[in-house]
Amino acid sequence: MILTMHSALISATPYYCLSCQKIMGAVFEDCGDGGSSAITLADLRTLNDSDVAAELTNALKREKKLKSRVQELVTALERLTKSSEVRHQQSAEFVNDLKRANSNLVAAYEKAKKKHQNKLKKLESQMMAMVERHETQVRMLKQRIALLEEENSRPHTNETSL
């Protein structure tokens, strides 16, 4: 019985890959399943029933192990996919929360800005009213001063001189 490694097999006759259960080409050809042994068709014909049964049993064991590994990988992939979807959903919710918070901040800023502008306009209006009152008071005081100076500069006719 001749069992050889895939990487070392260089044969002029076709061979049967036990791990993938396919007949491979006449020249070196890797079946791509990563199996570790192969047997030629000529060797398969010369094996007795117990050897073929043993080879098939070994192939079935390898197949079972590979199927188990595939199932493990599928399960791991499903778990990672679900985890990724959950993280994606959480990220989307976080982004939406940030957008809402940003909108609320913009609205609060605009409200505060409008309130500040209204307060500023009110203060400017009060200041202008104060300026006008001040100018009116200054004008009235100047008129009074002028009247008083005029009264003081005129000789009083009612007064008696001594």
Protein backbone atom coordinates (compact mmCIF):
# COMPACT_ATOMS: atom_id res chain seq x y z
CA MET A 1 0.00 0.00 0.00
CA ILE A 2 1.43 3.38 -1.01
CA LEU A 3 0.22 6.51 0.83
CA THR A 4 1.92 9.73 -0.14
CA MET A 5 1.66 13.39 0.82
CA HIS A 6 -0.12 15.67 -1.68
CA SER A 7 2.91 17.92 -1.91
CA ALA A 8 5.23 15.00 -2.64
CA LEU A 9 3.06 13.18 -5.18
CA ILE A 10 4.41 13.24 -8.71
CA SER A 11 2.84 10.38 -10.57
CA ALA A 12 2.17 9.43 -14.17
CA THR A 13 -1.01 7.60 -13.18
CA PRO A 14 -4.25 8.97 -11.82
CA TYR A 15 -4.76 8.65 -8.09
CA TYR A 16 -7.68 8.68 -5.68
CA CYS A 17 -7.69 11.36 -2.99
CA LEU A 18 -9.04 9.82 0.19
CA SER A 19 -9.78 13.09 1.93
CA CYS A 20 -11.90 14.62 -0.86
CA GLN A 21 -12.87 11.30 -2.47
CA LYS A 22 -12.06 12.39 -6.02
CA ILE A 23 -9.92 10.91 -8.77
CA MET A 24 -7.12 13.34 -9.49
CA GLY A 25 -5.09 13.90 -12.69
CA ALA A 26 -2.15 11.99 -14.11
CA VAL A 27 0.41 14.65 -13.24
CA PHE A 28 0.77 16.23 -9.80
CA GLU A 29 -2.51 17.89 -8.95
CA ASP A 30 -3.54 19.17 -5.54
CA CYS A 31 -7.20 18.62 -4.78
CA GLY A 32 -7.09 21.71 -2.56
CA ASP A 33 -8.76 20.19 0.47
CA GLY A 34 -5.64 20.23 2.61
CA GLY A 35 -5.75 16.45 3.05
CA SER A 36 -2.58 14.68 3.96
CA SER A 37 -2.68 11.40 2.03
CA ALA A 38 -3.51 10.02 -1.39
CA ILE A 39 -3.53 6.58 -2.99
CA THR A 40 -3.29 5.76 -6.69
CA LEU A 41 -6.03 3.86 -8.53
CA ALA A 42 -3.59 1.08 -9.23
CA ASP A 43 -2.83 0.84 -5.50
CA LEU A 44 -6.55 0.92 -4.70
CA ARG A 45 -7.09 -2.08 -7.03
CA THR A 46 -4.37 -4.07 -5.28
CA LEU A 47 -5.66 -3.49 -1.76
CA ASN A 48 -7.62 -6.23 -0.08
CA ASP A 49 -11.05 -5.56 1.39
CA SER A 50 -9.79 -4.96 4.92
CA ASP A 51 -7.24 -2.38 3.69
CA VAL A 52 -9.91 -0.60 1.62
CA ALA A 53 -12.24 -0.65 4.62
CA ALA A 54 -9.47 0.78 6.81
CA GLU A 55 -8.73 3.50 4.25
CA LEU A 56 -12.42 4.32 3.95
CA THR A 57 -12.78 4.38 7.73
CA ASN A 58 -9.84 6.76 7.96
CA ALA A 59 -11.33 8.90 5.21
CA LEU A 60 -14.68 8.98 7.01
CA LYS A 61 -12.98 9.96 10.26
CA ARG A 62 -11.16 12.77 8.47
CA GLU A 63 -14.42 13.82 6.81
CA LYS A 64 -16.20 13.83 10.17
CA LYS A 65 -13.41 15.92 11.71
CA LEU A 66 -13.52 18.35 8.78
CA LYS A 67 -17.31 18.62 8.95
CA SER A 68 -17.06 19.26 12.68
CA ARG A 69 -14.45 21.94 12.07
CA VAL A 70 -16.62 23.50 9.34
CA GLN A 71 -19.56 23.55 11.76
CA GLU A 72 -17.38 25.19 14.41
CA LEU A 73 -16.29 27.80 11.90
CA VAL A 74 -19.88 28.42 10.76
CA THR A 75 -20.96 28.82 14.39
CA ALA A 76 -18.09 31.20 15.08
CA LEU A 77 -18.90 33.17 11.92
CA GLU A 78 -22.57 33.42 12.93
CA ARG A 79 -21.58 34.57 16.41
CA LEU A 80 -19.20 37.17 15.01
CA THR A 81 -21.80 38.31 12.47
CA LYS A 82 -24.40 38.73 15.20
CA SER A 83 -21.90 40.57 17.37
CA SER A 84 -21.00 42.82 14.45
CA GLU A 85 -24.67 43.52 13.75
CA VAL A 86 -25.26 44.38 17.40
CA ARG A 87 -22.25 46.72 17.40
CA HIS A 88 -23.49 48.27 14.14
CA GLN A 89 -26.95 48.80 15.66
CA GLN A 90 -25.42 50.30 18.81
CA SER A 91 -23.25 52.59 16.68
CA ALA A 92 -26.29 53.69 14.67
CA GLU A 93 -28.20 54.41 17.89
CA PHE A 94 -25.22 56.31 19.28
CA VAL A 95 -24.97 58.39 16.09
CA ASN A 96 -28.70 59.13 16.26
CA ASP A 97 -28.33 60.15 19.92
CA LEU A 98 -25.45 62.44 18.96
CA LYS A 99 -27.54 63.95 16.17
CA ARG A 100 -30.43 64.60 18.57
CA ALA A 101 -28.08 66.09 21.14
CA ASN A 102 -26.49 68.26 18.47
CA SER A 103 -29.91 69.46 17.29
CA ASN A 104 -30.89 70.27 20.87
CA LEU A 105 -27.63 72.18 21.36
CA VAL A 106 -28.14 74.13 18.14
CA ALA A 107 -31.72 74.97 19.16
CA ALA A 108 -30.57 76.05 22.63
CA TYR A 109 -27.79 78.16 21.10
CA GLU A 110 -30.20 79.83 18.68
CA LYS A 111 -32.65 80.53 21.51
CA ALA A 112 -29.90 81.99 23.71
CA LYS A 113 -28.59 84.05 20.79
CA LYS A 114 -32.08 85.47 20.08
CA LYS A 115 -32.60 86.20 23.78
CA HIS A 116 -29.23 87.96 23.92
CA GLN A 117 -30.02 90.00 20.80
CA ASN A 118 -33.40 91.04 22.23
CA LYS A 119 -31.74 92.03 25.53
CA LEU A 120 -29.10 93.98 23.62
CA LYS A 121 -31.79 95.82 21.61
CA LYS A 122 -33.65 96.62 24.83
CA LEU A 123 -30.47 97.95 26.46
CA GLU A 124 -29.69 100.05 23.36
CA SER A 125 -33.22 101.43 23.42
CA GLN A 126 -32.92 102.26 27.14
CA MET A 127 -29.55 103.90 26.49
CA MET A 128 -30.99 106.03 23.68
CA ALA A 129 -33.87 107.13 25.95
CA MET A 130 -31.35 108.03 28.67
CA VAL A 131 -29.26 110.01 26.17
CA GLU A 132 -32.35 111.92 25.01
CA ARG A 133 -33.39 112.67 28.63
CA HIS A 134 -29.87 113.78 29.44
CA GLU A 135 -29.76 116.09 26.39
CA THR A 136 -33.16 117.53 27.36
CA GLN A 137 -32.01 118.08 30.95
CA VAL A 138 -28.76 119.72 29.77
CA ARG A 139 -30.74 122.01 27.42
CA MET A 140 -33.18 122.95 30.20
CA LEU A 141 -30.33 123.61 32.65
CA LYS A 142 -28.54 125.81 30.09
CA GLN A 143 -31.75 127.79 29.56
CA ARG A 144 -32.18 128.22 33.31
CA ILE A 145 -28.56 129.29 33.70
CA ALA A 146 -29.04 131.80 30.90
CA LEU A 147 -32.18 133.19 32.60
CA LEU A 148 -30.44 133.43 35.95
CA GLU A 149 -27.42 135.17 34.47
CA GLU A 150 -29.71 137.58 32.68
CA GLU A 151 -31.52 138.37 35.92
CA ASN A 152 -28.25 138.94 37.74
CA SER A 153 -26.86 141.20 35.04
CA ARG A 154 -29.87 143.58 35.07
CA PRO A 155 -30.00 146.23 37.71
CA HIS A 156 -32.83 145.76 40.04
CA THR A 157 -35.13 148.73 40.04
CA ASN A 158 -36.93 147.85 43.18
CA GLU A 159 -33.92 147.96 45.31
CA THR A 160 -33.12 151.01 47.32
CA SER A 161 -29.61 152.17 47.56
CA LEU A 162 -28.13 153.28 50.78
